[in-house]
């Protein structure tokens, strides 16, 4: 534990190596995350479950940030001795940063101590934990954790590299529009109102999965099956069978957050048939949209069922007084047509400023980029699709673990 005086506040970072050691701080961790605007991916239970599924062979290093002896933030970190022959590099990352689609991982840190706490933790990871690289992200480009983290502040003997990771799509619901459709462009309004009237004529009803007697595992399985079928038509396995252990991981999340009333599994039903699911979570003032599933019945081919389902989810978020719905990293035209805005997300890399470490980190990064191009962009995204079904395989587990 190293104390640091910041104006009149004494800041200390306490190291924990298991989630059981932090059980007493579970509620405080989540309260700080909610007040700091951190995503649900940085809550105690999301990090804990991620670690249960993907922590094997890695070192856990959670830093509890104390301001005047009161918990003021948490930096959930893991250290991976990534081997990519001939480069072996010890990399510290935020819990949840690999083994699945990219998420925004703004740490749960009180704004006034965020930058100071981050510098203190980085120093400990490099010096005490012998890390060759601290890779923090993706985080929002406006995250207070990044404020003032220049090369000099991170340490004169360190290199700091800021790189844009992509853009985060989000829907600003702070105006709480009663009629969300009215906020869209004229052409989009016209098409979506036609689609919704069509659904109304078919007797479509929307509902959240929940309530007494709900078998959440059965509902999740129905959603996952529909999602998978939807993607199988395109020659893809779908999220749950593309990423390592994704089905089991999300089932565990679903069970946990259903009990905590944070799951938002929204469905549209016509009679006894469910025609779409939207899988999301609610935390603090925001919704976090994960995945969608749609019926392939020809009755719905004449409308944009996916756009209607998203509008219904947005309207539900407004009714719950959510200020924002986050729709994932990546720029997609249909999201912007429905009113999504975008903001940049970045990853900050800090490493010791010595030639040998720099050569290994640089070599590792270059080797990963070559593998990403050859394996993921060419083989997985293009070539594999054109081959017989026998050659279709899930995402390579090794590749999903070593991103940088």
Protein backbone atom coordinates (compact mmCIF):
# COMPACT_ATOMS: atom_id res chain seq x y z
CA UNK A 1 0.00 0.00 0.00
CA UNK A 2 1.55 3.32 -1.12
CA UNK A 3 -0.02 6.58 0.13
CA UNK A 4 -0.11 9.69 -2.03
CA UNK A 5 -1.16 13.13 -0.88
CA UNK A 6 -3.46 14.87 -3.39
CA UNK A 7 -4.17 18.45 -2.18
CA UNK A 8 -5.69 17.67 1.24
CA UNK A 9 -6.79 14.10 0.42
CA UNK A 10 -4.63 11.13 1.34
CA UNK A 11 -4.96 8.46 -1.35
CA UNK A 12 -3.93 4.84 -0.80
CA UNK A 13 -4.22 1.80 -3.06
CA UNK A 14 -4.84 -1.54 -1.39
CA UNK A 15 -4.15 -4.68 -3.39
CA UNK A 16 -6.60 -7.60 -3.38
CA UNK A 17 -5.95 -10.89 -5.16
CA UNK A 18 -9.39 -12.50 -4.92
CA UNK A 19 -13.00 -11.39 -5.14
CA UNK A 20 -13.79 -13.06 -1.84
CA UNK A 21 -11.46 -10.55 -0.15
CA UNK A 22 -13.68 -7.76 -1.52
CA UNK A 23 -17.04 -9.29 -0.59
CA UNK A 24 -17.52 -6.74 2.19
CA UNK A 25 -17.04 -3.92 -0.33
CA UNK A 26 -19.45 -5.31 -2.96
CA UNK A 27 -22.18 -2.71 -2.36
CA UNK A 28 -19.73 0.19 -2.04
CA UNK A 29 -17.98 -0.87 -5.28
CA UNK A 30 -21.25 -0.79 -7.21
CA UNK A 31 -22.38 2.47 -5.62
CA UNK A 32 -19.14 4.15 -6.72
CA UNK A 33 -19.51 2.67 -10.21
CA UNK A 34 -23.06 4.04 -10.52
CA UNK A 35 -22.18 7.51 -9.23
CA UNK A 36 -19.07 7.71 -11.46
CA UNK A 37 -21.03 6.70 -14.57
CA UNK A 38 -19.00 3.50 -14.97
CA UNK A 39 -20.59 0.76 -17.12
CA UNK A 40 -22.14 -2.41 -15.76
CA UNK A 41 -19.05 -4.24 -17.07
CA UNK A 42 -17.10 -2.68 -14.19
CA UNK A 43 -19.46 -3.78 -11.39
CA UNK A 44 -18.41 -6.31 -8.78
CA UNK A 45 -20.50 -9.19 -10.10
CA UNK A 46 -19.75 -8.72 -13.80
CA UNK A 47 -16.00 -8.68 -13.06
CA UNK A 48 -16.34 -11.62 -10.66
CA UNK A 49 -18.18 -13.78 -13.18
CA UNK A 50 -15.80 -12.82 -15.99
CA UNK A 51 -12.90 -13.89 -13.79
CA UNK A 52 -14.55 -17.25 -12.99
CA UNK A 53 -14.76 -18.03 -16.71
CA UNK A 54 -11.61 -16.42 -18.10
CA UNK A 55 -9.17 -15.93 -15.23
CA UNK A 56 -7.40 -19.28 -15.39
CA UNK A 57 -3.63 -18.89 -15.76
CA UNK A 58 -3.78 -15.16 -15.02
CA UNK A 59 -2.98 -13.09 -11.93
CA UNK A 60 -5.73 -11.01 -10.34
CA UNK A 61 -4.72 -7.60 -8.98
CA UNK A 62 -7.68 -5.50 -7.84
CA UNK A 63 -6.75 -2.13 -6.40
CA UNK A 64 -9.13 -0.61 -3.88
CA UNK A 65 -8.54 3.14 -3.89
CA UNK A 66 -8.97 4.69 -0.45
CA UNK A 67 -9.40 8.45 -0.01
CA UNK A 68 -8.93 9.39 3.64
CA UNK A 69 -9.58 5.75 4.59
CA UNK A 70 -12.86 5.58 2.64
CA UNK A 71 -13.30 3.50 -0.51
CA UNK A 72 -13.37 5.96 -3.41
CA UNK A 73 -12.74 3.70 -6.36
CA UNK A 74 -11.72 0.33 -7.70
CA UNK A 75 -9.33 -0.65 -10.48
CA UNK A 76 -9.97 -4.32 -11.35
CA UNK A 77 -6.79 -5.48 -13.09
CA UNK A 78 -5.41 -8.81 -14.20
CA UNK A 79 -1.89 -9.63 -15.33
CA UNK A 80 -1.25 -11.97 -18.22
CA UNK A 81 2.16 -13.39 -19.02
CA UNK A 82 1.23 -13.52 -22.70
CA UNK A 83 3.47 -15.73 -24.79
CA UNK A 84 3.67 -14.99 -28.49
CA UNK A 85 6.91 -16.58 -29.62
CA UNK A 86 9.53 -15.16 -29.49
CA UNK A 87 7.95 -12.36 -27.47
CA UNK A 88 6.96 -12.96 -23.84
CA UNK A 89 5.37 -9.87 -22.31
CA UNK A 90 3.67 -9.34 -18.93
CA UNK A 91 0.60 -7.25 -19.70
CA UNK A 92 -1.74 -5.69 -17.13
CA UNK A 93 -5.27 -5.16 -18.41
CA UNK A 94 -8.67 -4.22 -17.01
CA UNK A 95 -10.78 -7.24 -16.10
CA UNK A 96 -13.02 -8.00 -19.08
CA UNK A 97 -10.71 -6.53 -21.71
CA UNK A 98 -10.25 -9.76 -23.71
CA UNK A 99 -11.96 -13.07 -24.53
CA UNK A 100 -14.99 -11.45 -26.15
CA UNK A 101 -16.24 -8.43 -28.10
CA UNK A 102 -14.72 -5.11 -27.10
CA UNK A 103 -16.47 -3.27 -24.26
CA UNK A 104 -15.99 0.23 -22.84
CA UNK A 105 -14.42 -0.25 -19.40
CA UNK A 106 -14.39 3.14 -17.69
CA UNK A 107 -13.11 2.31 -14.19
CA UNK A 108 -15.32 2.98 -11.15
CA UNK A 109 -13.30 5.85 -9.70
CA UNK A 110 -14.51 8.99 -7.97
CA UNK A 111 -13.88 11.85 -10.41
CA UNK A 112 -11.78 14.01 -8.08
CA UNK A 113 -9.23 11.26 -7.41
CA UNK A 114 -9.39 9.31 -10.69
CA UNK A 115 -6.26 10.58 -12.43
CA UNK A 116 -4.15 10.44 -9.26
CA UNK A 117 -5.30 6.92 -8.44
CA UNK A 118 -4.59 5.73 -11.97
CA UNK A 119 -1.02 7.06 -11.89
CA UNK A 120 -0.42 5.43 -8.53
CA UNK A 121 -1.71 2.04 -9.70
CA UNK A 122 0.28 2.20 -12.94
CA UNK A 123 3.46 2.85 -10.95
CA UNK A 124 2.82 -0.19 -8.77
CA UNK A 125 2.08 -2.46 -11.71
CA UNK A 126 5.29 -1.49 -13.48
CA UNK A 127 7.59 -1.51 -10.46
CA UNK A 128 6.18 -4.02 -7.98
CA UNK A 129 4.41 -6.43 -10.33
CA UNK A 130 7.14 -6.33 -13.02
CA UNK A 131 4.70 -5.60 -15.85
CA UNK A 132 6.15 -4.77 -19.25
CA UNK A 133 2.96 -3.04 -20.36
CA UNK A 134 -0.12 -1.59 -18.67
CA UNK A 135 -2.93 -1.47 -21.24
CA UNK A 136 -6.00 0.35 -19.94
CA UNK A 137 -9.03 0.34 -22.12
CA UNK A 138 -11.03 0.71 -24.05
CA UNK A 139 -12.28 3.72 -22.07
CA UNK A 140 -14.19 6.82 -23.09
CA UNK A 141 -11.91 9.50 -24.51
CA UNK A 142 -13.44 11.91 -21.97
CA UNK A 143 -12.94 9.58 -18.99
CA UNK A 144 -11.62 11.46 -15.93
CA UNK A 145 -9.22 8.56 -15.43
CA UNK A 146 -7.22 9.85 -18.40
CA UNK A 147 -7.14 13.51 -17.40
CA UNK A 148 -3.59 14.68 -17.00
CA UNK A 149 -2.04 11.24 -17.59
CA UNK A 150 0.82 12.56 -19.69
CA UNK A 151 4.21 10.93 -20.02
CA UNK A 152 5.68 13.10 -17.28
CA UNK A 153 2.86 12.45 -14.84
CA UNK A 154 2.87 8.71 -15.51
CA UNK A 155 6.57 8.77 -14.70
CA UNK A 156 9.50 10.25 -16.60
CA UNK A 157 10.92 6.79 -17.19
CA UNK A 158 7.71 5.55 -18.83
CA UNK A 159 6.30 5.67 -22.34
CA UNK A 160 2.65 6.61 -22.74
CA UNK A 161 0.78 5.79 -25.94
CA UNK A 162 -2.85 6.79 -26.54
CA UNK A 163 -4.63 5.02 -29.40
CA UNK A 164 -8.21 5.25 -30.60
CA UNK A 165 -9.99 1.90 -30.33
CA UNK A 166 -13.20 2.84 -32.11
CA UNK A 167 -16.43 4.69 -31.38
CA UNK A 168 -19.16 4.00 -28.86
CA UNK A 169 -22.73 4.25 -30.15
CA UNK A 170 -25.23 5.63 -27.65
CA UNK A 171 -28.74 7.05 -27.48
CA UNK A 172 -29.17 10.20 -25.41
CA UNK A 173 -32.49 9.84 -23.56
CA UNK A 174 -31.94 12.70 -21.11
CA UNK A 175 -34.74 14.70 -22.74
CA UNK A 176 -37.08 11.78 -21.95
CA UNK A 177 -39.15 12.01 -25.15
CA UNK A 178 -42.62 10.52 -24.66
CA UNK A 179 -42.75 9.68 -28.36
CA UNK A 180 -39.26 8.52 -29.32
CA UNK A 181 -40.24 8.27 -32.98
CA UNK A 182 -40.85 12.02 -33.05
CA UNK A 183 -37.13 12.60 -32.47
CA UNK A 184 -36.17 10.84 -35.73
CA UNK A 185 -35.86 12.24 -39.23
CA UNK A 186 -39.02 12.55 -41.31
CA UNK A 187 -38.27 9.61 -43.62
CA UNK A 188 -37.25 7.32 -40.76
CA UNK A 189 -40.35 8.28 -38.80
CA UNK A 190 -42.57 7.42 -41.75
CA UNK A 191 -41.06 3.97 -42.28
CA UNK A 192 -40.97 3.00 -38.62
CA UNK A 193 -44.53 4.16 -37.95
CA UNK A 194 -45.67 2.01 -40.87
CA UNK A 195 -43.77 -0.97 -39.43
CA UNK A 196 -45.20 -0.48 -35.93
CA UNK A 197 -48.76 -0.16 -37.26
CA UNK A 198 -48.21 -3.41 -39.14
CA UNK A 199 -47.11 -5.12 -35.92
CA UNK A 200 -50.13 -3.67 -34.10
CA UNK A 201 -52.46 -5.15 -36.71
CA UNK A 202 -50.86 -8.56 -36.13
CA UNK A 203 -51.55 -8.25 -32.42
CA UNK A 204 -47.92 -7.79 -31.36
CA UNK A 205 -47.28 -7.21 -27.66
CA UNK A 206 -44.05 -6.23 -25.94
CA UNK A 207 -42.92 -7.32 -22.49
CA UNK A 208 -39.91 -7.65 -20.22
CA UNK A 209 -38.99 -11.14 -19.12
CA UNK A 210 -39.51 -11.30 -15.37
CA UNK A 211 -41.98 -11.68 -12.59
CA UNK A 212 -42.84 -14.43 -10.16
CA UNK A 213 -42.35 -17.93 -11.47
CA UNK A 214 -40.13 -16.91 -14.37
CA UNK A 215 -37.73 -19.63 -15.50
CA UNK A 216 -34.96 -17.28 -16.56
CA UNK A 217 -32.69 -20.08 -17.76
CA UNK A 218 -35.41 -21.35 -20.10
CA UNK A 219 -36.07 -17.83 -21.42
CA UNK A 220 -32.39 -17.18 -21.98
CA UNK A 221 -32.03 -20.46 -23.83
CA UNK A 222 -34.95 -19.52 -26.11
CA UNK A 223 -33.33 -16.17 -26.83
CA UNK A 224 -29.90 -17.71 -27.49
CA UNK A 225 -31.42 -20.33 -29.80
CA UNK A 226 -33.23 -17.65 -31.84
CA UNK A 227 -30.08 -15.52 -32.00
CA UNK A 228 -28.00 -18.48 -33.15
CA UNK A 229 -30.54 -19.52 -35.80
CA UNK A 230 -30.59 -15.97 -37.14
CA UNK A 231 -26.80 -15.98 -37.61
CA UNK A 232 -26.61 -19.55 -38.90
CA UNK A 233 -28.54 -18.41 -41.98
CA UNK A 234 -25.59 -16.09 -42.72
CA UNK A 235 -23.09 -18.91 -42.25
CA UNK A 236 -22.00 -17.69 -38.82
CA UNK A 237 -22.31 -19.43 -35.43
CA UNK A 238 -23.66 -16.35 -33.66
CA UNK A 239 -22.19 -14.74 -30.56
CA UNK A 240 -22.74 -17.61 -28.14
CA UNK A 241 -20.91 -20.19 -30.21
CA UNK A 242 -18.31 -17.91 -31.79
CA UNK A 243 -16.57 -16.65 -28.64
CA UNK A 244 -15.04 -19.04 -26.08
CA UNK A 245 -17.57 -20.18 -23.44
CA UNK A 246 -19.84 -17.26 -24.33
CA UNK A 247 -23.11 -19.14 -23.77
CA UNK A 248 -22.15 -20.34 -20.29
CA UNK A 249 -20.70 -16.92 -19.38
CA UNK A 250 -23.83 -15.00 -20.37
CA UNK A 251 -26.12 -17.55 -18.75
CA UNK A 252 -24.27 -17.02 -15.46
CA UNK A 253 -24.56 -13.23 -15.91
CA UNK A 254 -28.26 -13.54 -16.71
CA UNK A 255 -29.02 -15.56 -13.58
CA UNK A 256 -27.04 -13.20 -11.34
CA UNK A 257 -28.38 -9.92 -12.72
CA UNK A 258 -31.93 -11.24 -12.92
CA UNK A 259 -31.79 -11.63 -9.13
CA UNK A 260 -30.37 -8.09 -8.84
CA UNK A 261 -33.11 -6.67 -11.12
CA UNK A 262 -30.53 -5.47 -13.65
CA UNK A 263 -31.42 -7.81 -16.51
CA UNK A 264 -33.59 -6.33 -19.27
CA UNK A 265 -34.55 -9.16 -21.62
CA UNK A 266 -37.20 -7.50 -23.79
CA UNK A 267 -39.38 -9.49 -26.15
CA UNK A 268 -42.12 -8.97 -28.73
CA UNK A 269 -44.77 -11.63 -28.93
CA UNK A 270 -47.55 -12.34 -31.42
CA UNK A 271 -49.96 -14.80 -29.86
CA UNK A 272 -47.85 -17.56 -28.33
CA UNK A 273 -44.89 -16.88 -30.63
CA UNK A 274 -41.95 -14.69 -29.60
CA UNK A 275 -40.75 -12.86 -32.73
CA UNK A 276 -37.84 -10.90 -31.26
CA UNK A 277 -35.66 -10.55 -28.19
CA UNK A 278 -33.38 -7.70 -27.13
CA UNK A 279 -30.87 -8.62 -24.45
CA UNK A 280 -29.76 -5.68 -22.29
CA UNK A 281 -28.85 -4.64 -18.75
CA UNK A 282 -29.76 -1.65 -16.61
CA UNK A 283 -27.30 -0.06 -14.23
CA UNK A 284 -27.24 3.39 -12.71
CA UNK A 285 -28.79 5.89 -15.12
CA UNK A 286 -28.21 3.77 -18.24
CA UNK A 287 -29.20 0.73 -20.27
CA UNK A 288 -26.50 -1.45 -21.87
CA UNK A 289 -27.71 -3.22 -25.00
CA UNK A 290 -25.92 -6.48 -25.72
CA UNK A 291 -27.54 -8.61 -28.45
CA UNK A 292 -30.67 -9.15 -30.51
CA UNK A 293 -32.57 -12.15 -31.85
CA UNK A 294 -35.26 -12.05 -34.56
CA UNK A 295 -37.74 -14.50 -35.99
CA UNK A 296 -37.05 -15.55 -39.59
CA UNK A 297 -40.76 -16.03 -40.33
CA UNK A 298 -41.63 -14.56 -43.74
CA UNK A 299 -44.46 -12.53 -42.19
CA UNK A 300 -41.88 -10.07 -40.88
CA UNK A 301 -39.80 -9.78 -44.05
CA UNK A 302 -41.80 -6.75 -45.23
CA UNK A 303 -40.82 -4.64 -42.19
CA UNK A 304 -37.65 -3.84 -40.29
CA UNK A 305 -38.36 -5.95 -37.24
CA UNK A 306 -34.96 -5.25 -35.70
CA UNK A 307 -35.43 -1.47 -35.88
CA UNK A 308 -38.90 -1.75 -34.34
CA UNK A 309 -37.56 -3.91 -31.51
CA UNK A 310 -34.85 -1.37 -30.76
CA UNK A 311 -37.38 1.48 -30.73
CA UNK A 312 -39.52 -0.50 -28.27
CA UNK A 313 -36.46 -1.04 -26.05
CA UNK A 314 -35.61 2.67 -26.21
CA UNK A 315 -39.17 3.58 -25.25
CA UNK A 316 -38.98 1.19 -22.33
CA UNK A 317 -35.68 2.76 -21.22
CA UNK A 318 -37.39 6.17 -21.28
CA UNK A 319 -40.22 4.82 -19.12
CA UNK A 320 -37.60 3.63 -16.62
CA UNK A 321 -36.14 7.15 -16.70
CA UNK A 322 -32.81 6.02 -18.12
CA UNK A 323 -30.66 8.90 -19.34
CA UNK A 324 -28.83 6.85 -21.96
CA UNK A 325 -28.79 3.56 -23.81
CA UNK A 326 -25.34 2.33 -24.83
CA UNK A 327 -25.36 0.27 -28.02
CA UNK A 328 -21.81 -1.07 -28.20
CA UNK A 329 -18.56 -0.21 -29.94
CA UNK A 330 -18.70 0.19 -33.70
CA UNK A 331 -20.23 2.54 -36.23
CA UNK A 332 -23.33 1.05 -37.84
CA UNK A 333 -25.63 2.96 -40.17
CA UNK A 334 -28.91 1.57 -38.85
CA UNK A 335 -28.07 2.77 -35.34
CA UNK A 336 -27.43 6.34 -36.47
CA UNK A 337 -30.65 6.33 -38.51
CA UNK A 338 -32.46 5.58 -35.27
CA UNK A 339 -30.82 8.51 -33.51
CA UNK A 340 -27.58 7.09 -32.11
CA UNK A 341 -24.67 9.40 -31.46
CA UNK A 342 -21.03 8.36 -31.38
CA UNK A 343 -18.07 9.23 -29.23
CA UNK A 344 -14.48 8.00 -29.45
CA UNK A 345 -13.06 5.35 -27.16
CA UNK A 346 -9.35 4.94 -26.56
CA UNK A 347 -6.83 2.62 -24.97
CA UNK A 348 -3.85 3.99 -23.10
CA UNK A 349 -0.65 1.93 -23.02
CA UNK A 350 2.11 2.65 -20.50
CA UNK A 351 5.43 0.83 -20.49
CA UNK A 352 8.92 1.41 -19.04
CA UNK A 353 11.10 3.58 -21.23
CA UNK A 354 13.94 1.16 -21.85
CA UNK A 355 15.03 -0.27 -25.18
CA UNK A 356 14.75 -3.97 -24.40
CA UNK A 357 11.20 -3.73 -23.02
CA UNK A 358 10.24 -1.42 -25.86
CA UNK A 359 11.56 -3.92 -28.41
CA UNK A 360 9.60 -6.81 -26.88
CA UNK A 361 6.38 -4.80 -26.55
CA UNK A 362 6.76 -3.47 -30.07
CA UNK A 363 7.48 -6.92 -31.45
CA UNK A 364 4.49 -8.40 -29.61
CA UNK A 365 2.22 -5.65 -30.94
CA UNK A 366 3.45 -6.13 -34.51
CA UNK A 367 3.08 -9.92 -34.33
CA UNK A 368 -0.47 -9.53 -33.03
CA UNK A 369 -1.39 -7.15 -35.84
CA UNK A 370 -0.07 -9.61 -38.43
CA UNK A 371 -2.04 -12.45 -36.81
CA UNK A 372 -5.16 -10.28 -36.60
CA UNK A 373 -4.94 -9.52 -40.33
CA UNK A 374 -4.16 -13.06 -41.46
CA UNK A 375 -6.38 -14.98 -39.07
CA UNK A 376 -9.31 -12.74 -38.17
CA UNK A 377 -9.75 -10.28 -41.01
CA UNK A 378 -8.85 -12.63 -43.86
CA UNK A 379 -9.48 -16.20 -42.71
CA UNK A 380 -12.34 -15.85 -40.20
CA UNK A 381 -14.22 -12.91 -41.74
CA UNK A 382 -13.75 -13.74 -45.42
CA UNK A 383 -12.23 -17.04 -46.54
CA UNK A 384 -13.96 -19.32 -44.01
CA UNK A 385 -17.39 -18.08 -45.08
CA UNK A 386 -16.81 -19.28 -48.65
CA UNK A 387 -15.74 -22.78 -47.66
CA UNK A 388 -18.01 -25.78 -46.92
CA UNK A 389 -19.65 -25.83 -43.49
CA UNK A 390 -17.08 -28.37 -42.24
CA UNK A 391 -14.46 -25.58 -42.14
CA UNK A 392 -16.60 -23.16 -40.12
CA UNK A 393 -15.12 -22.87 -36.65
CA UNK A 394 -15.58 -20.65 -33.58
CA UNK A 395 -13.12 -17.83 -32.96
CA UNK A 396 -9.71 -19.17 -32.03
CA UNK A 397 -9.38 -19.05 -28.24
CA UNK A 398 -5.69 -18.14 -28.39
CA UNK A 399 -6.40 -15.10 -30.58
CA UNK A 400 -9.24 -13.93 -28.31
CA UNK A 401 -6.90 -13.92 -25.28
CA UNK A 402 -3.89 -12.01 -26.60
CA UNK A 403 -5.34 -8.78 -28.03
CA UNK A 404 -3.32 -5.63 -27.57
